[in-house]
Amino acid sequence: MTYQHKTLANGEWKHKPFLEKMANIGSEVERTIAWKEKDNEEYSKLAFTRSLELFDLTLNDKLSLPELKEVARAREGWVDFIKYGNMFRSTKEQWRQYFLQLLFAYKVSV
């Protein structure tokens, strides 16, 4: 597999705290939404791919069961929102709010 985040995929990601990982995933989620709002499907697709890459790197880490569930459910909902029929009926505002809260939690923990 070819990674966009090469240094993270080479092991750097494993050393980051859980909330930092989630905040980084949120950055790619935000980019995906922002490029989609600007009608730039190419850049939106690239950001979406990077977000999945970070989700998958996180899922491959040693996580506690609650963390594993959180990441897996977020990934499932995110893919549904962008690529499938949005059966969970999520909105871009909900995705932004979810990751913004994780970013705040990370900032408070540092």
N, C-alpha and C. Protein backbone atom coordinates (compact mmCIF):
# COMPACT_ATOMS: atom_id res chain seq x y z
N MET A 1 0.84 -1.19 0.00
CA MET A 1 0.00 0.00 0.00
C MET A 1 0.89 1.25 0.00
N THR A 2 0.50 2.22 -0.77
CA THR A 2 1.21 3.50 -0.81
C THR A 2 0.53 4.46 0.15
N TYR A 3 1.32 4.97 1.09
CA TYR A 3 0.77 5.88 2.10
C TYR A 3 1.04 7.32 1.73
N GLN A 4 0.07 8.17 2.00
CA GLN A 4 0.25 9.61 1.85
C GLN A 4 1.05 10.14 3.04
N HIS A 5 0.74 9.61 4.22
CA HIS A 5 1.43 10.00 5.46
C HIS A 5 2.56 9.01 5.71
N LYS A 6 3.62 9.12 4.93
CA LYS A 6 4.69 8.12 4.96
C LYS A 6 5.39 8.02 6.31
N THR A 7 5.73 9.15 6.93
CA THR A 7 6.44 9.09 8.22
C THR A 7 5.54 8.53 9.31
N LEU A 8 4.27 8.84 9.24
CA LEU A 8 3.34 8.29 10.23
C LEU A 8 3.18 6.79 10.04
N ALA A 9 3.10 6.36 8.80
CA ALA A 9 2.93 4.93 8.51
C ALA A 9 4.17 4.13 8.87
N ASN A 10 5.33 4.78 8.89
CA ASN A 10 6.57 4.09 9.22
C ASN A 10 6.80 3.94 10.71
N GLY A 11 5.81 4.23 11.52
CA GLY A 11 5.92 3.96 12.95
C GLY A 11 5.72 5.16 13.86
N GLU A 12 5.81 6.35 13.31
CA GLU A 12 5.65 7.55 14.13
C GLU A 12 4.25 7.64 14.74
N TRP A 13 3.26 7.16 14.00
CA TRP A 13 1.86 7.24 14.43
C TRP A 13 1.63 6.49 15.75
N LYS A 14 2.30 5.35 15.91
CA LYS A 14 2.11 4.51 17.10
C LYS A 14 2.50 5.24 18.39
N HIS A 15 3.34 6.25 18.30
CA HIS A 15 3.84 6.95 19.49
C HIS A 15 2.98 8.15 19.88
N LYS A 16 1.99 8.45 19.09
CA LYS A 16 1.12 9.60 19.39
C LYS A 16 0.00 9.18 20.33
N PRO A 17 -0.41 10.07 21.23
CA PRO A 17 -1.54 9.75 22.11
C PRO A 17 -2.84 9.64 21.31
N PHE A 18 -3.78 8.89 21.86
CA PHE A 18 -5.05 8.62 21.18
C PHE A 18 -5.75 9.91 20.75
N LEU A 19 -5.86 10.88 21.64
CA LEU A 19 -6.58 12.11 21.29
C LEU A 19 -5.87 12.90 20.19
N GLU A 20 -4.56 12.84 20.15
CA GLU A 20 -3.83 13.50 19.07
C GLU A 20 -4.12 12.82 17.73
N LYS A 21 -4.19 11.49 17.76
CA LYS A 21 -4.53 10.76 16.53
C LYS A 21 -5.91 11.17 16.04
N MET A 22 -6.86 11.23 16.96
CA MET A 22 -8.22 11.59 16.57
C MET A 22 -8.28 13.03 16.05
N ALA A 23 -7.52 13.92 16.65
CA ALA A 23 -7.48 15.31 16.18
C ALA A 23 -6.90 15.38 14.77
N ASN A 24 -5.89 14.57 14.49
CA ASN A 24 -5.31 14.54 13.14
C ASN A 24 -6.28 13.96 12.13
N ILE A 25 -7.00 12.94 12.51
CA ILE A 25 -8.04 12.41 11.62
C ILE A 25 -9.06 13.51 11.34
N GLY A 26 -9.42 14.25 12.38
CA GLY A 26 -10.36 15.35 12.23
C GLY A 26 -9.89 16.41 11.25
N SER A 27 -8.60 16.64 11.18
CA SER A 27 -8.06 17.61 10.21
C SER A 27 -8.35 17.16 8.78
N GLU A 28 -8.19 15.88 8.53
CA GLU A 28 -8.47 15.37 7.18
C GLU A 28 -9.97 15.34 6.90
N VAL A 29 -10.75 15.06 7.92
CA VAL A 29 -12.21 15.12 7.78
C VAL A 29 -12.63 16.54 7.40
N GLU A 30 -12.08 17.51 8.11
CA GLU A 30 -12.39 18.91 7.81
C GLU A 30 -11.97 19.28 6.39
N ARG A 31 -10.80 18.84 5.97
CA ARG A 31 -10.34 19.13 4.60
C ARG A 31 -11.28 18.49 3.57
N THR A 32 -11.71 17.27 3.84
CA THR A 32 -12.63 16.59 2.92
C THR A 32 -13.90 17.41 2.74
N ILE A 33 -14.48 17.84 3.85
CA ILE A 33 -15.72 18.62 3.81
C ILE A 33 -15.49 19.98 3.15
N ALA A 34 -14.41 20.65 3.51
CA ALA A 34 -14.14 21.98 2.97
C ALA A 34 -13.94 21.94 1.45
N TRP A 35 -13.20 20.96 0.96
CA TRP A 35 -13.00 20.86 -0.49
C TRP A 35 -14.30 20.48 -1.20
N LYS A 36 -15.11 19.67 -0.57
CA LYS A 36 -16.41 19.31 -1.15
C LYS A 36 -17.30 20.55 -1.25
N GLU A 37 -17.26 21.40 -0.21
CA GLU A 37 -18.04 22.65 -0.23
C GLU A 37 -17.57 23.59 -1.34
N LYS A 38 -16.29 23.50 -1.69
CA LYS A 38 -15.74 24.33 -2.76
C LYS A 38 -15.87 23.66 -4.13
N ASP A 39 -16.60 22.54 -4.18
CA ASP A 39 -16.81 21.78 -5.41
C ASP A 39 -15.52 21.28 -6.05
N ASN A 40 -14.54 20.99 -5.21
CA ASN A 40 -13.29 20.42 -5.71
C ASN A 40 -13.26 18.95 -5.31
N GLU A 41 -13.88 18.13 -6.15
CA GLU A 41 -14.02 16.70 -5.85
C GLU A 41 -12.67 16.00 -5.79
N GLU A 42 -11.72 16.41 -6.62
CA GLU A 42 -10.41 15.77 -6.62
C GLU A 42 -9.71 15.93 -5.27
N TYR A 43 -9.65 17.15 -4.77
CA TYR A 43 -8.99 17.40 -3.49
C TYR A 43 -9.78 16.79 -2.33
N SER A 44 -11.10 16.82 -2.45
CA SER A 44 -11.95 16.21 -1.42
C SER A 44 -11.68 14.71 -1.35
N LYS A 45 -11.58 14.08 -2.50
CA LYS A 45 -11.31 12.64 -2.54
C LYS A 45 -9.93 12.32 -1.95
N LEU A 46 -8.94 13.14 -2.25
CA LEU A 46 -7.60 12.93 -1.69
C LEU A 46 -7.61 13.06 -0.17
N ALA A 47 -8.31 14.07 0.34
CA ALA A 47 -8.40 14.26 1.79
C ALA A 47 -9.17 13.10 2.43
N PHE A 48 -10.22 12.63 1.77
CA PHE A 48 -10.98 11.49 2.27
C PHE A 48 -10.08 10.25 2.36
N THR A 49 -9.29 10.03 1.33
CA THR A 49 -8.36 8.90 1.33
C THR A 49 -7.36 9.01 2.48
N ARG A 50 -6.85 10.21 2.71
CA ARG A 50 -5.92 10.42 3.83
C ARG A 50 -6.61 10.18 5.16
N SER A 51 -7.87 10.58 5.28
CA SER A 51 -8.59 10.35 6.53
C SER A 51 -8.73 8.85 6.79
N LEU A 52 -9.05 8.08 5.76
CA LEU A 52 -9.16 6.63 5.92
C LEU A 52 -7.82 6.02 6.29
N GLU A 53 -6.77 6.54 5.71
CA GLU A 53 -5.43 6.05 6.03
C GLU A 53 -5.15 6.24 7.53
N LEU A 54 -5.49 7.41 8.06
CA LEU A 54 -5.26 7.66 9.49
C LEU A 54 -6.19 6.83 10.37
N PHE A 55 -7.43 6.66 9.95
CA PHE A 55 -8.33 5.76 10.68
C PHE A 55 -7.71 4.36 10.75
N ASP A 56 -7.24 3.87 9.60
CA ASP A 56 -6.71 2.51 9.55
C ASP A 56 -5.41 2.37 10.34
N LEU A 57 -4.55 3.37 10.28
CA LEU A 57 -3.33 3.32 11.10
C LEU A 57 -3.70 3.26 12.58
N THR A 58 -4.72 3.99 12.95
CA THR A 58 -5.16 3.99 14.35
C THR A 58 -5.75 2.64 14.73
N LEU A 59 -6.56 2.07 13.86
CA LEU A 59 -7.15 0.77 14.14
C LEU A 59 -6.10 -0.34 14.24
N ASN A 60 -4.96 -0.14 13.60
CA ASN A 60 -3.88 -1.12 13.66
C ASN A 60 -3.00 -0.97 14.90
N ASP A 61 -3.23 0.07 15.68
CA ASP A 61 -2.48 0.28 16.92
C ASP A 61 -3.07 -0.55 18.04
N LYS A 62 -2.33 -0.62 19.11
CA LYS A 62 -2.84 -1.27 20.31
C LYS A 62 -3.73 -0.27 21.04
N LEU A 63 -5.04 -0.50 20.95
CA LEU A 63 -6.01 0.40 21.56
C LEU A 63 -6.76 -0.35 22.65
N SER A 64 -7.26 0.43 23.59
CA SER A 64 -8.18 -0.17 24.56
C SER A 64 -9.48 -0.51 23.82
N LEU A 65 -10.29 -1.36 24.39
CA LEU A 65 -11.55 -1.73 23.74
C LEU A 65 -12.45 -0.52 23.49
N PRO A 66 -12.61 0.39 24.46
CA PRO A 66 -13.43 1.58 24.17
C PRO A 66 -12.86 2.44 23.03
N GLU A 67 -11.53 2.59 22.98
CA GLU A 67 -10.92 3.36 21.89
C GLU A 67 -11.13 2.67 20.56
N LEU A 68 -10.96 1.37 20.53
CA LEU A 68 -11.16 0.60 19.31
C LEU A 68 -12.58 0.76 18.79
N LYS A 69 -13.55 0.65 19.69
CA LYS A 69 -14.95 0.83 19.30
C LYS A 69 -15.20 2.23 18.76
N GLU A 70 -14.65 3.23 19.43
CA GLU A 70 -14.84 4.62 19.01
C GLU A 70 -14.31 4.85 17.60
N VAL A 71 -13.10 4.39 17.35
CA VAL A 71 -12.48 4.60 16.03
C VAL A 71 -13.23 3.82 14.96
N ALA A 72 -13.57 2.57 15.25
CA ALA A 72 -14.27 1.75 14.25
C ALA A 72 -15.63 2.33 13.91
N ARG A 73 -16.35 2.77 14.91
CA ARG A 73 -17.68 3.36 14.66
C ARG A 73 -17.58 4.68 13.92
N ALA A 74 -16.60 5.50 14.30
CA ALA A 74 -16.42 6.78 13.60
C ALA A 74 -16.06 6.54 12.14
N ARG A 75 -15.18 5.58 11.89
CA ARG A 75 -14.79 5.28 10.50
C ARG A 75 -16.00 4.80 9.70
N GLU A 76 -16.79 3.92 10.29
CA GLU A 76 -17.97 3.40 9.62
C GLU A 76 -18.94 4.53 9.26
N GLY A 77 -19.19 5.42 10.22
CA GLY A 77 -20.10 6.53 9.96
C GLY A 77 -19.55 7.50 8.93
N TRP A 78 -18.25 7.74 8.99
CA TRP A 78 -17.60 8.67 8.06
C TRP A 78 -17.68 8.14 6.63
N VAL A 79 -17.37 6.86 6.44
CA VAL A 79 -17.45 6.27 5.10
C VAL A 79 -18.89 6.30 4.60
N ASP A 80 -19.84 6.00 5.47
CA ASP A 80 -21.24 6.05 5.09
C ASP A 80 -21.63 7.47 4.65
N PHE A 81 -21.16 8.46 5.39
CA PHE A 81 -21.50 9.85 5.08
C PHE A 81 -20.95 10.29 3.72
N ILE A 82 -19.72 9.92 3.43
CA ILE A 82 -19.07 10.39 2.19
C ILE A 82 -19.38 9.51 0.99
N LYS A 83 -19.37 8.21 1.17
CA LYS A 83 -19.41 7.31 0.00
C LYS A 83 -20.72 6.56 -0.21
N TYR A 84 -21.51 6.40 0.82
CA TYR A 84 -22.70 5.57 0.68
C TYR A 84 -23.95 6.40 0.92
N GLY A 85 -25.04 5.79 1.28
CA GLY A 85 -26.33 6.46 1.34
C GLY A 85 -26.60 7.28 2.59
N ASN A 86 -25.60 7.45 3.45
CA ASN A 86 -25.75 8.21 4.70
C ASN A 86 -26.92 7.66 5.52
N MET A 87 -26.91 6.35 5.71
CA MET A 87 -28.00 5.71 6.46
C MET A 87 -28.05 6.15 7.91
N PHE A 88 -26.93 6.66 8.43
CA PHE A 88 -26.91 7.15 9.81
C PHE A 88 -27.42 8.58 9.90
N ARG A 89 -27.68 9.20 8.75
CA ARG A 89 -28.22 10.56 8.67
C ARG A 89 -27.35 11.60 9.38
N SER A 90 -26.05 11.44 9.24
CA SER A 90 -25.15 12.42 9.84
C SER A 90 -25.04 13.64 8.92
N THR A 91 -24.55 14.73 9.48
CA THR A 91 -24.38 15.97 8.72
C THR A 91 -22.94 16.43 8.83
N LYS A 92 -22.55 17.30 7.93
CA LYS A 92 -21.18 17.82 8.01
C LYS A 92 -20.98 18.61 9.29
N GLU A 93 -22.01 19.26 9.79
CA GLU A 93 -21.90 20.00 11.04
C GLU A 93 -21.64 19.05 12.22
N GLN A 94 -22.30 17.89 12.21
CA GLN A 94 -22.07 16.90 13.26
C GLN A 94 -20.65 16.36 13.21
N TRP A 95 -20.13 16.11 12.01
CA TRP A 95 -18.76 15.63 11.89
C TRP A 95 -17.77 16.68 12.37
N ARG A 96 -18.02 17.91 12.00
CA ARG A 96 -17.14 18.98 12.45
C ARG A 96 -17.17 19.11 13.98
N GLN A 97 -18.35 19.07 14.55
CA GLN A 97 -18.51 19.20 16.00
C GLN A 97 -17.84 18.04 16.74
N TYR A 98 -18.02 16.83 16.24
CA TYR A 98 -17.43 15.64 16.85
C TYR A 98 -15.91 15.77 16.94
N PHE A 99 -15.28 16.10 15.83
CA PHE A 99 -13.82 16.20 15.82
C PHE A 99 -13.32 17.46 16.52
N LEU A 100 -14.11 18.52 16.52
CA LEU A 100 -13.73 19.71 17.26
C LEU A 100 -13.67 19.41 18.76
N GLN A 101 -14.62 18.65 19.26
CA GLN A 101 -14.61 18.26 20.67
C GLN A 101 -13.38 17.42 21.00
N LEU A 102 -13.01 16.53 20.09
CA LEU A 102 -11.80 15.71 20.30
C LEU A 102 -10.55 16.58 20.28
N LEU A 103 -10.53 17.58 19.40
CA LEU A 103 -9.40 18.50 19.36
C LEU A 103 -9.30 19.27 20.68
N PHE A 104 -10.41 19.76 21.19
CA PHE A 104 -10.40 20.47 22.48
C PHE A 104 -9.92 19.55 23.59
N ALA A 105 -10.40 18.32 23.59
CA ALA A 105 -9.97 17.36 24.62
C ALA A 105 -8.47 17.12 24.53
N TYR A 106 -7.94 17.04 23.31
CA TYR A 106 -6.48 16.86 23.14
C TYR A 106 -5.74 18.09 23.67
N LYS A 107 -6.19 19.28 23.30
CA LYS A 107 -5.52 20.51 23.73
C LYS A 107 -5.51 20.64 25.25
N VAL A 108 -6.59 20.24 25.90
CA VAL A 108 -6.67 20.30 27.35
C VAL A 108 -5.71 19.29 27.99
N SER A 109 -5.52 18.15 27.32
CA SER A 109 -4.68 17.09 27.89
C SER A 109 -3.19 17.36 27.75
N VAL A 110 -2.82 18.29 26.87
CA VAL A 110 -1.38 18.55 26.63
C VAL A 110 -0.81 19.48 27.67
